[in-house]
N, C-alpha and C. Protein backbone atom coordinates (compact mmCIF):
# COMPACT_ATOMS: atom_id res chain seq x y z
N MET A 1 15.62 -37.10 -13.57
CA MET A 1 16.90 -36.62 -14.05
C MET A 1 18.02 -37.33 -13.28
N THR A 2 19.03 -37.76 -13.99
CA THR A 2 20.16 -38.47 -13.41
C THR A 2 21.09 -37.49 -12.71
N GLN A 3 21.49 -37.84 -11.49
CA GLN A 3 22.48 -37.03 -10.79
C GLN A 3 23.87 -37.44 -11.26
N ARG A 4 24.69 -36.47 -11.48
CA ARG A 4 26.07 -36.73 -11.89
C ARG A 4 26.99 -36.04 -10.88
N LEU A 5 27.21 -36.74 -9.77
CA LEU A 5 28.00 -36.17 -8.68
C LEU A 5 29.49 -36.21 -9.00
N HIS A 6 30.19 -35.18 -8.52
CA HIS A 6 31.63 -35.05 -8.73
C HIS A 6 32.29 -34.70 -7.41
N LEU A 7 33.41 -35.35 -7.13
CA LEU A 7 34.21 -35.10 -5.92
C LEU A 7 35.45 -34.33 -6.30
N VAL A 8 35.72 -33.25 -5.59
CA VAL A 8 36.94 -32.46 -5.81
C VAL A 8 37.83 -32.67 -4.59
N PHE A 9 39.06 -33.09 -4.84
CA PHE A 9 40.00 -33.36 -3.76
C PHE A 9 41.42 -33.10 -4.25
N GLY A 10 42.34 -32.99 -3.30
CA GLY A 10 43.73 -32.78 -3.69
C GLY A 10 44.66 -32.86 -2.51
N GLY A 11 45.93 -32.67 -2.81
CA GLY A 11 46.94 -32.72 -1.77
C GLY A 11 48.32 -32.64 -2.36
N GLU A 12 49.28 -32.81 -1.49
CA GLU A 12 50.67 -32.73 -1.92
C GLU A 12 51.15 -34.07 -2.45
N LEU A 13 51.79 -34.05 -3.61
CA LEU A 13 52.29 -35.25 -4.24
C LEU A 13 53.74 -35.51 -3.85
N VAL A 14 54.14 -36.77 -3.88
CA VAL A 14 55.53 -37.15 -3.62
C VAL A 14 56.42 -36.58 -4.71
N ASP A 15 55.97 -36.71 -5.94
CA ASP A 15 56.71 -36.26 -7.12
C ASP A 15 55.70 -35.60 -8.05
N PRO A 16 55.95 -34.38 -8.49
CA PRO A 16 54.97 -33.69 -9.34
C PRO A 16 54.72 -34.35 -10.69
N THR A 17 55.53 -35.33 -11.08
CA THR A 17 55.30 -36.03 -12.35
C THR A 17 54.47 -37.30 -12.16
N LYS A 18 54.11 -37.60 -10.91
CA LYS A 18 53.33 -38.80 -10.60
C LYS A 18 52.03 -38.40 -9.91
N ASN A 19 51.16 -39.37 -9.65
CA ASN A 19 49.89 -39.11 -8.97
C ASN A 19 49.81 -39.76 -7.60
N ALA A 20 50.94 -39.90 -6.91
CA ALA A 20 50.96 -40.50 -5.57
C ALA A 20 51.04 -39.40 -4.52
N PHE A 21 50.11 -39.43 -3.58
CA PHE A 21 50.08 -38.41 -2.53
C PHE A 21 51.18 -38.66 -1.51
N LYS A 22 51.76 -37.58 -1.01
CA LYS A 22 52.82 -37.65 0.00
C LYS A 22 52.26 -38.23 1.30
N ASN A 23 51.08 -37.78 1.71
CA ASN A 23 50.46 -38.26 2.93
C ASN A 23 48.95 -38.34 2.70
N VAL A 24 48.43 -39.55 2.59
CA VAL A 24 47.01 -39.75 2.31
C VAL A 24 46.13 -39.15 3.41
N ASP A 25 46.64 -39.12 4.63
CA ASP A 25 45.86 -38.55 5.74
C ASP A 25 45.66 -37.04 5.59
N ASP A 26 46.47 -36.40 4.78
CA ASP A 26 46.37 -34.95 4.58
C ASP A 26 45.64 -34.55 3.31
N ILE A 27 44.97 -35.48 2.66
CA ILE A 27 44.22 -35.14 1.44
C ILE A 27 43.11 -34.16 1.80
N HIS A 28 43.02 -33.11 1.02
CA HIS A 28 42.01 -32.07 1.22
C HIS A 28 40.77 -32.41 0.39
N ILE A 29 39.68 -32.70 1.08
CA ILE A 29 38.41 -32.94 0.40
C ILE A 29 37.70 -31.60 0.27
N VAL A 30 37.61 -31.10 -0.95
CA VAL A 30 36.97 -29.80 -1.19
C VAL A 30 35.46 -29.96 -1.07
N GLY A 31 34.92 -31.02 -1.68
CA GLY A 31 33.48 -31.26 -1.58
C GLY A 31 32.94 -32.11 -2.70
N ILE A 32 31.66 -32.40 -2.60
CA ILE A 32 30.93 -33.14 -3.63
C ILE A 32 29.97 -32.17 -4.29
N PHE A 33 29.95 -32.18 -5.61
CA PHE A 33 29.19 -31.19 -6.36
C PHE A 33 28.19 -31.88 -7.30
N PRO A 34 27.05 -31.23 -7.55
CA PRO A 34 25.97 -31.85 -8.31
C PRO A 34 26.17 -31.88 -9.82
N ASN A 35 27.18 -31.17 -10.31
CA ASN A 35 27.43 -31.15 -11.75
C ASN A 35 28.90 -30.80 -12.00
N TYR A 36 29.33 -31.04 -13.22
CA TYR A 36 30.74 -30.82 -13.56
C TYR A 36 31.11 -29.34 -13.48
N ALA A 37 30.21 -28.47 -13.89
CA ALA A 37 30.52 -27.04 -13.91
C ALA A 37 30.87 -26.52 -12.52
N SER A 38 30.08 -26.88 -11.52
CA SER A 38 30.37 -26.40 -10.16
C SER A 38 31.61 -27.09 -9.60
N ALA A 39 31.83 -28.36 -9.96
CA ALA A 39 33.05 -29.05 -9.53
C ALA A 39 34.28 -28.40 -10.16
N TYR A 40 34.17 -28.05 -11.42
CA TYR A 40 35.28 -27.39 -12.12
C TYR A 40 35.61 -26.05 -11.47
N ASP A 41 34.60 -25.28 -11.12
CA ASP A 41 34.83 -24.00 -10.46
C ASP A 41 35.56 -24.18 -9.13
N ALA A 42 35.16 -25.19 -8.36
CA ALA A 42 35.82 -25.47 -7.08
C ALA A 42 37.25 -25.94 -7.30
N TRP A 43 37.44 -26.81 -8.28
CA TRP A 43 38.78 -27.30 -8.61
C TRP A 43 39.69 -26.13 -9.02
N LYS A 44 39.18 -25.28 -9.89
CA LYS A 44 39.97 -24.15 -10.39
C LYS A 44 40.36 -23.21 -9.25
N SER A 45 39.45 -22.97 -8.34
CA SER A 45 39.73 -22.10 -7.20
C SER A 45 40.85 -22.67 -6.33
N GLU A 46 40.77 -23.96 -6.03
CA GLU A 46 41.82 -24.60 -5.21
C GLU A 46 43.14 -24.68 -5.95
N ALA A 47 43.10 -24.99 -7.23
CA ALA A 47 44.32 -25.08 -8.03
C ALA A 47 45.02 -23.72 -8.09
N HIS A 48 44.26 -22.66 -8.25
CA HIS A 48 44.86 -21.32 -8.30
C HIS A 48 45.39 -20.90 -6.93
N ARG A 49 44.70 -21.32 -5.88
CA ARG A 49 45.13 -20.97 -4.52
C ARG A 49 46.49 -21.59 -4.18
N THR A 50 46.77 -22.75 -4.76
CA THR A 50 48.00 -23.48 -4.44
C THR A 50 49.01 -23.49 -5.59
N VAL A 51 48.87 -22.58 -6.52
CA VAL A 51 49.69 -22.58 -7.73
C VAL A 51 51.19 -22.43 -7.44
N ASP A 52 51.55 -21.84 -6.33
CA ASP A 52 52.98 -21.65 -6.01
C ASP A 52 53.66 -22.91 -5.51
N ASN A 53 52.90 -23.96 -5.21
CA ASN A 53 53.48 -25.22 -4.74
C ASN A 53 53.37 -26.24 -5.87
N ALA A 54 54.48 -26.55 -6.51
CA ALA A 54 54.48 -27.45 -7.67
C ALA A 54 54.06 -28.87 -7.30
N HIS A 55 54.10 -29.22 -6.02
CA HIS A 55 53.73 -30.57 -5.59
C HIS A 55 52.23 -30.71 -5.28
N MET A 56 51.50 -29.62 -5.26
CA MET A 56 50.05 -29.67 -4.96
C MET A 56 49.26 -29.94 -6.23
N ARG A 57 48.31 -30.87 -6.13
CA ARG A 57 47.42 -31.17 -7.25
C ARG A 57 46.01 -31.37 -6.74
N TYR A 58 45.07 -30.89 -7.51
CA TYR A 58 43.65 -31.12 -7.23
C TYR A 58 43.05 -31.86 -8.40
N TYR A 59 42.06 -32.70 -8.09
CA TYR A 59 41.45 -33.58 -9.09
C TYR A 59 39.93 -33.51 -8.98
N ILE A 60 39.28 -33.85 -10.08
CA ILE A 60 37.83 -34.03 -10.11
C ILE A 60 37.57 -35.50 -10.37
N ALA A 61 36.88 -36.15 -9.45
CA ALA A 61 36.49 -37.55 -9.62
C ALA A 61 35.02 -37.59 -10.00
N HIS A 62 34.71 -38.33 -11.03
CA HIS A 62 33.33 -38.47 -11.51
C HIS A 62 32.66 -39.60 -10.73
N LEU A 63 32.02 -39.25 -9.61
CA LEU A 63 31.42 -40.27 -8.75
C LEU A 63 30.32 -41.05 -9.45
N HIS A 64 29.62 -40.40 -10.36
CA HIS A 64 28.53 -41.08 -11.06
C HIS A 64 29.04 -42.23 -11.93
N ARG A 65 30.31 -42.24 -12.25
CA ARG A 65 30.88 -43.32 -13.07
C ARG A 65 31.22 -44.56 -12.23
N LEU A 66 31.18 -44.44 -10.92
CA LEU A 66 31.50 -45.57 -10.05
C LEU A 66 30.35 -46.55 -9.93
N ARG A 67 29.17 -46.12 -10.31
CA ARG A 67 27.99 -46.98 -10.20
C ARG A 67 27.39 -47.23 -11.58
N ASP A 68 26.94 -48.43 -11.77
CA ASP A 68 26.21 -48.77 -12.99
C ASP A 68 24.75 -48.94 -12.59
N GLU A 69 23.96 -47.94 -12.87
CA GLU A 69 22.56 -47.92 -12.43
C GLU A 69 21.72 -48.98 -13.13
N GLU A 70 22.22 -49.56 -14.19
CA GLU A 70 21.46 -50.56 -14.95
C GLU A 70 21.52 -51.95 -14.32
N THR A 71 22.50 -52.20 -13.46
CA THR A 71 22.63 -53.51 -12.84
C THR A 71 22.14 -53.46 -11.40
N SER A 72 21.67 -54.59 -10.89
CA SER A 72 21.12 -54.61 -9.54
C SER A 72 22.19 -54.40 -8.47
N ALA A 73 23.41 -54.81 -8.72
CA ALA A 73 24.50 -54.59 -7.76
C ALA A 73 25.78 -54.29 -8.53
N SER A 74 26.20 -53.04 -8.47
CA SER A 74 27.44 -52.67 -9.16
C SER A 74 28.63 -53.17 -8.34
N PRO A 75 29.82 -53.26 -8.94
CA PRO A 75 30.99 -53.77 -8.22
C PRO A 75 31.30 -52.99 -6.94
N THR A 76 30.98 -51.70 -6.90
CA THR A 76 31.28 -50.92 -5.70
C THR A 76 30.37 -51.32 -4.53
N GLU A 77 29.21 -51.86 -4.80
CA GLU A 77 28.31 -52.29 -3.73
C GLU A 77 28.82 -53.58 -3.08
N GLU A 78 29.68 -54.29 -3.77
CA GLU A 78 30.19 -55.57 -3.26
C GLU A 78 31.36 -55.39 -2.30
N LEU A 79 31.93 -54.21 -2.25
CA LEU A 79 33.08 -53.96 -1.37
C LEU A 79 32.64 -53.97 0.07
N GLU A 80 33.45 -54.57 0.94
CA GLU A 80 33.12 -54.61 2.37
C GLU A 80 34.18 -53.92 3.17
């Protein structure tokens, strides 16, 4: 069975209409989850917790999309 890992993270944005973080060092890593459903639950919990701050945003990154399992070396493996 293929693993489909998801990363949930967030932080304060410079401008709520953009996706640029105010301070990258302060990004909150919620965790890595084995499926979208559990990642969504974690995302929803953090988003609701910070709903009063219009500059806070949380995201779900699909880590499984960063790798192409069909090729011997995906582009992410080439990064140094």
